[in-house]
Amino acid sequence: MREQSKINIKNLNFYYGEKQVIKDLSLEIPKNEIFAILGPANSGITTLLRTLNRLCHLTPEARQEGEVFLDGKNIFDSDVSVTELRRRVGMVFDVPTTLPMSIFDNVALGPSLRGIKSKKILEEEVEKALRMSALWDDVKDRLHTPAARLSGGQQQRLCIARVLALEPEVILLDRPCSALDPISTAKIEESLMQLKEELTIIIAPHSIQQAGRIADRVAFMLMGDLIEEGPTQDVFSVPKDQRTNDYLTGRYG
């Protein structure tokens, strides 16, 4: 195991009923890097992301075999608090879902649930999270307006801020820019590049180009199998597997 691995996946198999969607996958994800997982539809990428904080177990008939270690502790152990796991490993989905409340209250909810009651501290926590998600300058003068009034890109950055307010160690992003314009996408990518100094980021990018711009390492999955992984430049310039080369050059997917 790499000395600086944040997550270590060993022989992971995942099933929905009788259907196997992840096949004997082993992977190490370093801390304080952006790790992108590439692949065409039905490759098991969303399932893998949701497995890393046990969201998959909300689905009936879902089951897994194998182990996933977070800082050396198996997240499937019986003494692991799922609530605490999901605080430490937060997830941002492809479609931004704001809560029906103000911008401020969307972000303050997490610190409030952590027991913070002081208005001053809550204000500091909200500002910190909004700055980390590159949204503060856009909203600092309208924090108490409904979050639903934000643009799509701003709503996605608000969702990132809401996760950051929980003080996670890892954030999972499932195609967070798939519905956004290039300017909003660039702002989110800039935020992620800064956030990796404090967090480990695992992303299913919305394009190969996005992975090339921001990822330190990439993995390529196909139909539930991990085909290869490595430093982004190595995989992109000299892929070891012909299937990876075919995907990167647009022959399928």
Protein backbone atom coordinates (compact mmCIF):
# COMPACT_ATOMS: atom_id res chain seq x y z
CA MET A 1 0.00 0.00 0.00
CA ARG A 2 1.28 3.46 -0.88
CA GLU A 3 2.39 5.38 2.19
CA GLN A 4 0.19 8.36 1.32
CA SER A 5 -2.92 6.43 0.26
CA LYS A 6 -6.16 7.88 1.59
CA ILE A 7 -8.37 5.10 0.25
CA ASN A 8 -7.33 1.53 -0.46
CA ILE A 9 -9.83 -0.71 -2.25
CA LYS A 10 -9.18 -4.44 -2.14
CA ASN A 11 -10.94 -7.04 -4.30
CA LEU A 12 -14.22 -5.13 -4.43
CA ASN A 13 -17.20 -6.82 -6.04
CA PHE A 14 -20.60 -5.13 -6.09
CA TYR A 15 -23.98 -6.54 -7.01
CA TYR A 16 -27.51 -5.28 -7.51
CA GLY A 17 -29.41 -8.50 -6.97
CA GLU A 18 -27.81 -10.99 -9.34
CA LYS A 19 -26.24 -8.33 -11.56
CA GLN A 20 -22.54 -7.71 -10.90
CA VAL A 21 -21.53 -4.11 -11.65
CA ILE A 22 -18.01 -4.02 -10.14
CA LYS A 23 -15.65 -6.95 -10.65
CA ASP A 24 -12.76 -7.71 -8.29
CA LEU A 25 -11.51 -4.14 -8.28
CA SER A 26 -8.37 -3.16 -6.35
CA LEU A 27 -7.21 0.44 -6.35
CA GLU A 28 -5.24 2.86 -4.19
CA ILE A 29 -6.16 6.54 -4.14
CA PRO A 30 -3.50 8.96 -2.83
CA LYS A 31 -4.36 11.76 -0.44
CA ASN A 32 -4.37 15.39 -1.55
CA GLU A 33 -4.72 14.60 -5.24
CA ILE A 34 -7.48 14.72 -7.83
CA PHE A 35 -8.19 11.18 -8.95
CA ALA A 36 -10.40 10.86 -12.05
CA ILE A 37 -12.26 7.68 -12.98
CA LEU A 38 -13.06 7.42 -16.68
CA GLY A 39 -15.23 5.09 -18.68
CA PRO A 40 -18.31 4.78 -20.88
CA ALA A 41 -21.82 4.37 -19.52
CA ASN A 42 -22.51 1.24 -17.47
CA SER A 43 -18.89 0.87 -16.39
CA GLY A 44 -19.72 0.91 -12.67
CA ILE A 45 -18.19 4.33 -11.95
CA THR A 46 -21.20 5.86 -10.18
CA THR A 47 -21.62 2.67 -8.15
CA LEU A 48 -17.95 2.81 -7.16
CA LEU A 49 -18.25 6.42 -6.01
CA ARG A 50 -21.41 5.67 -4.04
CA THR A 51 -19.75 2.64 -2.45
CA LEU A 52 -16.95 4.78 -1.02
CA ASN A 53 -19.35 6.34 1.49
CA ARG A 54 -21.84 3.48 1.55
CA LEU A 55 -24.60 5.34 -0.28
CA CYS A 56 -25.07 2.23 -2.40
CA HIS A 57 -26.46 0.43 0.60
CA LEU A 58 -29.56 2.62 0.38
CA THR A 59 -30.50 0.59 -2.71
CA PRO A 60 -32.51 -2.62 -2.08
CA GLU A 61 -30.69 -5.85 -2.97
CA ALA A 62 -27.31 -4.08 -3.13
CA ARG A 63 -24.41 -6.02 -1.66
CA GLN A 64 -20.65 -5.93 -1.79
CA GLU A 65 -17.73 -8.26 -1.27
CA GLY A 66 -14.21 -7.08 -0.53
CA GLU A 67 -12.81 -4.23 1.52
CA VAL A 68 -12.51 -0.44 1.29
CA PHE A 69 -10.04 1.15 3.71
CA LEU A 70 -10.20 4.82 4.68
CA ASP A 71 -6.99 5.74 6.52
CA GLY A 72 -6.46 2.04 7.17
CA LYS A 73 -9.95 1.33 8.58
CA ASN A 74 -12.40 -0.85 6.65
CA ILE A 75 -15.53 1.25 6.07
CA PHE A 76 -17.67 -1.91 6.12
CA ASP A 77 -16.68 -2.86 9.69
CA SER A 78 -19.63 -3.13 12.06
CA ASP A 79 -18.30 -0.43 14.36
CA VAL A 80 -18.11 2.22 11.62
CA SER A 81 -20.67 5.02 11.96
CA VAL A 82 -22.25 5.48 8.52
CA THR A 83 -23.26 9.04 9.44
CA GLU A 84 -19.69 9.93 10.36
CA LEU A 85 -18.36 8.16 7.25
CA ARG A 86 -20.61 10.28 5.03
CA ARG A 87 -19.41 13.41 6.80
CA ARG A 88 -15.79 12.44 6.19
CA VAL A 89 -16.49 11.33 2.60
CA GLY A 90 -18.96 13.76 1.07
CA MET A 91 -20.61 13.44 -2.33
CA VAL A 92 -21.70 15.96 -4.97
CA PHE A 93 -24.02 14.67 -7.69
CA ASP A 94 -24.31 15.61 -11.36
CA VAL A 95 -27.56 17.55 -10.90
CA PRO A 96 -27.31 20.26 -8.23
CA THR A 97 -30.01 19.92 -5.59
CA THR A 98 -30.35 22.94 -3.35
CA LEU A 99 -32.46 22.84 -0.23
CA PRO A 100 -35.61 25.03 -0.20
CA MET A 101 -34.04 27.69 1.98
CA SER A 102 -31.62 30.59 1.73
CA ILE A 103 -28.07 30.38 0.42
CA PHE A 104 -26.79 30.93 3.96
CA ASP A 105 -29.01 28.26 5.51
CA ASN A 106 -28.04 25.70 2.84
CA VAL A 107 -24.42 25.96 3.94
CA ALA A 108 -25.06 26.55 7.65
CA LEU A 109 -27.06 23.34 7.97
CA GLY A 110 -23.93 21.18 8.22
CA PRO A 111 -22.22 23.18 10.97
CA SER A 112 -25.55 23.38 12.81
CA LEU A 113 -25.82 19.59 12.74
CA ARG A 114 -22.27 19.47 14.12
CA GLY A 115 -23.55 21.37 17.14
CA ILE A 116 -22.42 24.89 16.31
CA LYS A 117 -24.98 27.37 17.67
CA SER A 118 -23.05 30.66 17.77
CA LYS A 119 -24.25 33.00 15.03
CA LYS A 120 -20.77 34.46 14.63
CA ILE A 121 -19.12 31.06 14.24
CA LEU A 122 -21.83 29.94 11.81
CA GLU A 123 -21.21 33.05 9.71
CA GLU A 124 -17.48 32.28 9.69
CA GLU A 125 -18.09 28.65 8.70
CA VAL A 126 -20.45 29.65 5.87
CA GLU A 127 -18.04 32.23 4.51
CA LYS A 128 -15.15 29.77 4.65
CA ALA A 129 -17.09 27.09 2.73
CA LEU A 130 -18.33 29.57 0.13
CA ARG A 131 -14.82 30.90 -0.39
CA MET A 132 -13.45 27.36 -0.78
CA SER A 133 -16.06 26.66 -3.46
CA ALA A 134 -15.32 29.99 -5.24
CA LEU A 135 -18.87 31.23 -4.67
CA TRP A 136 -18.39 33.87 -1.96
CA ASP A 137 -17.84 36.84 -4.27
CA ASP A 138 -20.99 35.95 -6.23
CA VAL A 139 -23.32 35.72 -3.24
CA LYS A 140 -21.87 37.66 -0.28
CA ASP A 141 -24.43 40.45 -0.71
CA ARG A 142 -27.47 38.17 -1.01
CA LEU A 143 -26.87 35.34 1.42
CA HIS A 144 -30.44 35.38 2.65
CA THR A 145 -32.10 35.06 -0.74
CA PRO A 146 -33.45 31.65 -1.86
CA ALA A 147 -30.78 29.31 -3.17
CA ALA A 148 -33.09 28.36 -6.03
CA ARG A 149 -32.49 31.77 -7.60
CA LEU A 150 -28.85 30.95 -8.29
CA SER A 151 -27.73 29.92 -11.76
CA GLY A 152 -27.00 26.25 -12.46
CA GLY A 153 -23.26 26.72 -12.05
CA GLN A 154 -23.73 28.68 -8.85
CA GLN A 155 -26.08 26.01 -7.48
CA GLN A 156 -23.46 23.35 -8.17
CA ARG A 157 -20.81 25.38 -6.34
CA LEU A 158 -23.31 25.83 -3.49
CA CYS A 159 -23.68 22.04 -3.29
CA ILE A 160 -19.90 21.77 -3.08
CA ALA A 161 -19.89 24.43 -0.34
CA ARG A 162 -22.57 22.52 1.55
CA VAL A 163 -20.39 19.41 1.53
CA LEU A 164 -17.29 21.40 2.49
CA ALA A 165 -19.11 22.88 5.49
CA LEU A 166 -19.17 19.37 6.96
CA GLU A 167 -15.35 19.44 6.97
CA PRO A 168 -14.86 16.28 4.91
CA GLU A 169 -11.55 14.63 4.16
CA VAL A 170 -12.65 13.26 0.78
CA ILE A 171 -15.15 14.59 -1.74
CA LEU A 172 -16.71 12.44 -4.44
CA LEU A 173 -18.00 14.20 -7.56
CA ASP A 174 -20.17 12.39 -10.08
CA ARG A 175 -19.95 14.40 -13.33
CA PRO A 176 -20.47 17.68 -11.47
CA CYS A 177 -20.09 19.82 -14.60
CA SER A 178 -22.12 17.76 -17.07
CA ALA A 179 -24.93 20.33 -17.33
CA LEU A 180 -22.85 23.49 -16.95
CA ASP A 181 -21.54 26.09 -19.35
CA PRO A 182 -17.77 26.43 -19.94
CA ILE A 183 -17.39 29.45 -17.62
CA SER A 184 -19.10 27.70 -14.69
CA THR A 185 -17.11 24.55 -15.41
CA ALA A 186 -13.84 26.51 -15.34
CA LYS A 187 -14.73 28.03 -11.96
CA ILE A 188 -15.49 24.64 -10.45
CA GLU A 189 -12.28 23.16 -11.87
CA GLU A 190 -10.30 26.07 -10.40
CA SER A 191 -11.94 25.42 -7.02
CA LEU A 192 -11.03 21.73 -7.16
CA MET A 193 -7.40 22.50 -7.99
CA GLN A 194 -7.20 24.63 -4.85
CA LEU A 195 -9.17 22.23 -2.66
CA LYS A 196 -6.80 19.31 -3.25
CA GLU A 197 -4.29 21.03 -0.98
CA GLU A 198 -6.64 20.15 1.90
CA LEU A 199 -8.74 17.28 0.57
CA THR A 200 -8.65 14.13 -1.51
CA ILE A 201 -10.90 14.52 -4.56
CA ILE A 202 -12.33 11.63 -6.57
CA ILE A 203 -14.22 12.65 -9.69
CA ALA A 204 -16.08 11.05 -12.52
CA PRO A 205 -15.34 13.83 -15.04
CA HIS A 206 -17.87 14.79 -17.68
CA SER A 207 -15.24 14.51 -20.41
CA ILE A 208 -11.79 13.13 -21.13
CA GLN A 209 -10.62 16.72 -21.59
CA GLN A 210 -11.68 17.64 -18.06
CA ALA A 211 -9.67 14.75 -16.64
CA GLY A 212 -6.67 15.92 -18.63
CA ARG A 213 -6.99 19.43 -17.23
CA ILE A 214 -7.33 18.70 -13.54
CA ALA A 215 -6.51 15.09 -12.60
CA ASP A 216 -3.23 13.99 -11.05
CA ARG A 217 -4.06 10.34 -11.68
CA VAL A 218 -6.72 8.57 -13.73
CA ALA A 219 -8.30 5.15 -13.79
CA PHE A 220 -10.16 3.64 -16.73
CA MET A 221 -13.09 1.31 -16.08
CA LEU A 222 -15.02 -0.76 -18.60
CA MET A 223 -18.10 -2.86 -17.80
CA GLY A 224 -17.19 -3.09 -14.13
CA ASP A 225 -13.53 -3.96 -14.69
CA LEU A 226 -10.59 -1.70 -13.84
CA ILE A 227 -8.54 -1.71 -17.03
CA GLU A 228 -5.65 0.49 -15.93
CA GLU A 229 -4.67 3.43 -13.75
CA GLY A 230 -1.71 5.72 -13.33
CA PRO A 231 -0.48 9.30 -13.59
CA THR A 232 -2.70 11.19 -16.02
CA GLN A 233 0.04 12.09 -18.46
CA ASP A 234 1.29 8.50 -18.61
CA VAL A 235 -2.14 6.98 -19.21
CA PHE A 236 -3.08 9.63 -21.76
CA SER A 237 0.18 9.56 -23.71
CA VAL A 238 1.13 5.87 -23.48
CA PRO A 239 -1.85 3.76 -22.37
CA LYS A 240 -0.88 0.20 -21.55
CA ASP A 241 -4.13 -1.36 -22.74
CA GLN A 242 -5.59 -1.08 -26.24
CA ARG A 243 -9.08 -0.63 -24.76
CA THR A 244 -7.90 2.46 -22.90
CA ASN A 245 -6.38 3.83 -26.09
CA ASP A 246 -9.61 3.16 -27.99
CA TYR A 247 -11.64 5.05 -25.38
CA LEU A 248 -9.26 8.00 -25.19
CA THR A 249 -9.20 8.33 -28.99
CA GLY A 250 -12.99 8.17 -29.28
CA ARG A 251 -13.30 4.76 -30.91
CA TYR A 252 -16.07 3.90 -28.48
CA GLY A 253 -17.81 5.31 -25.43
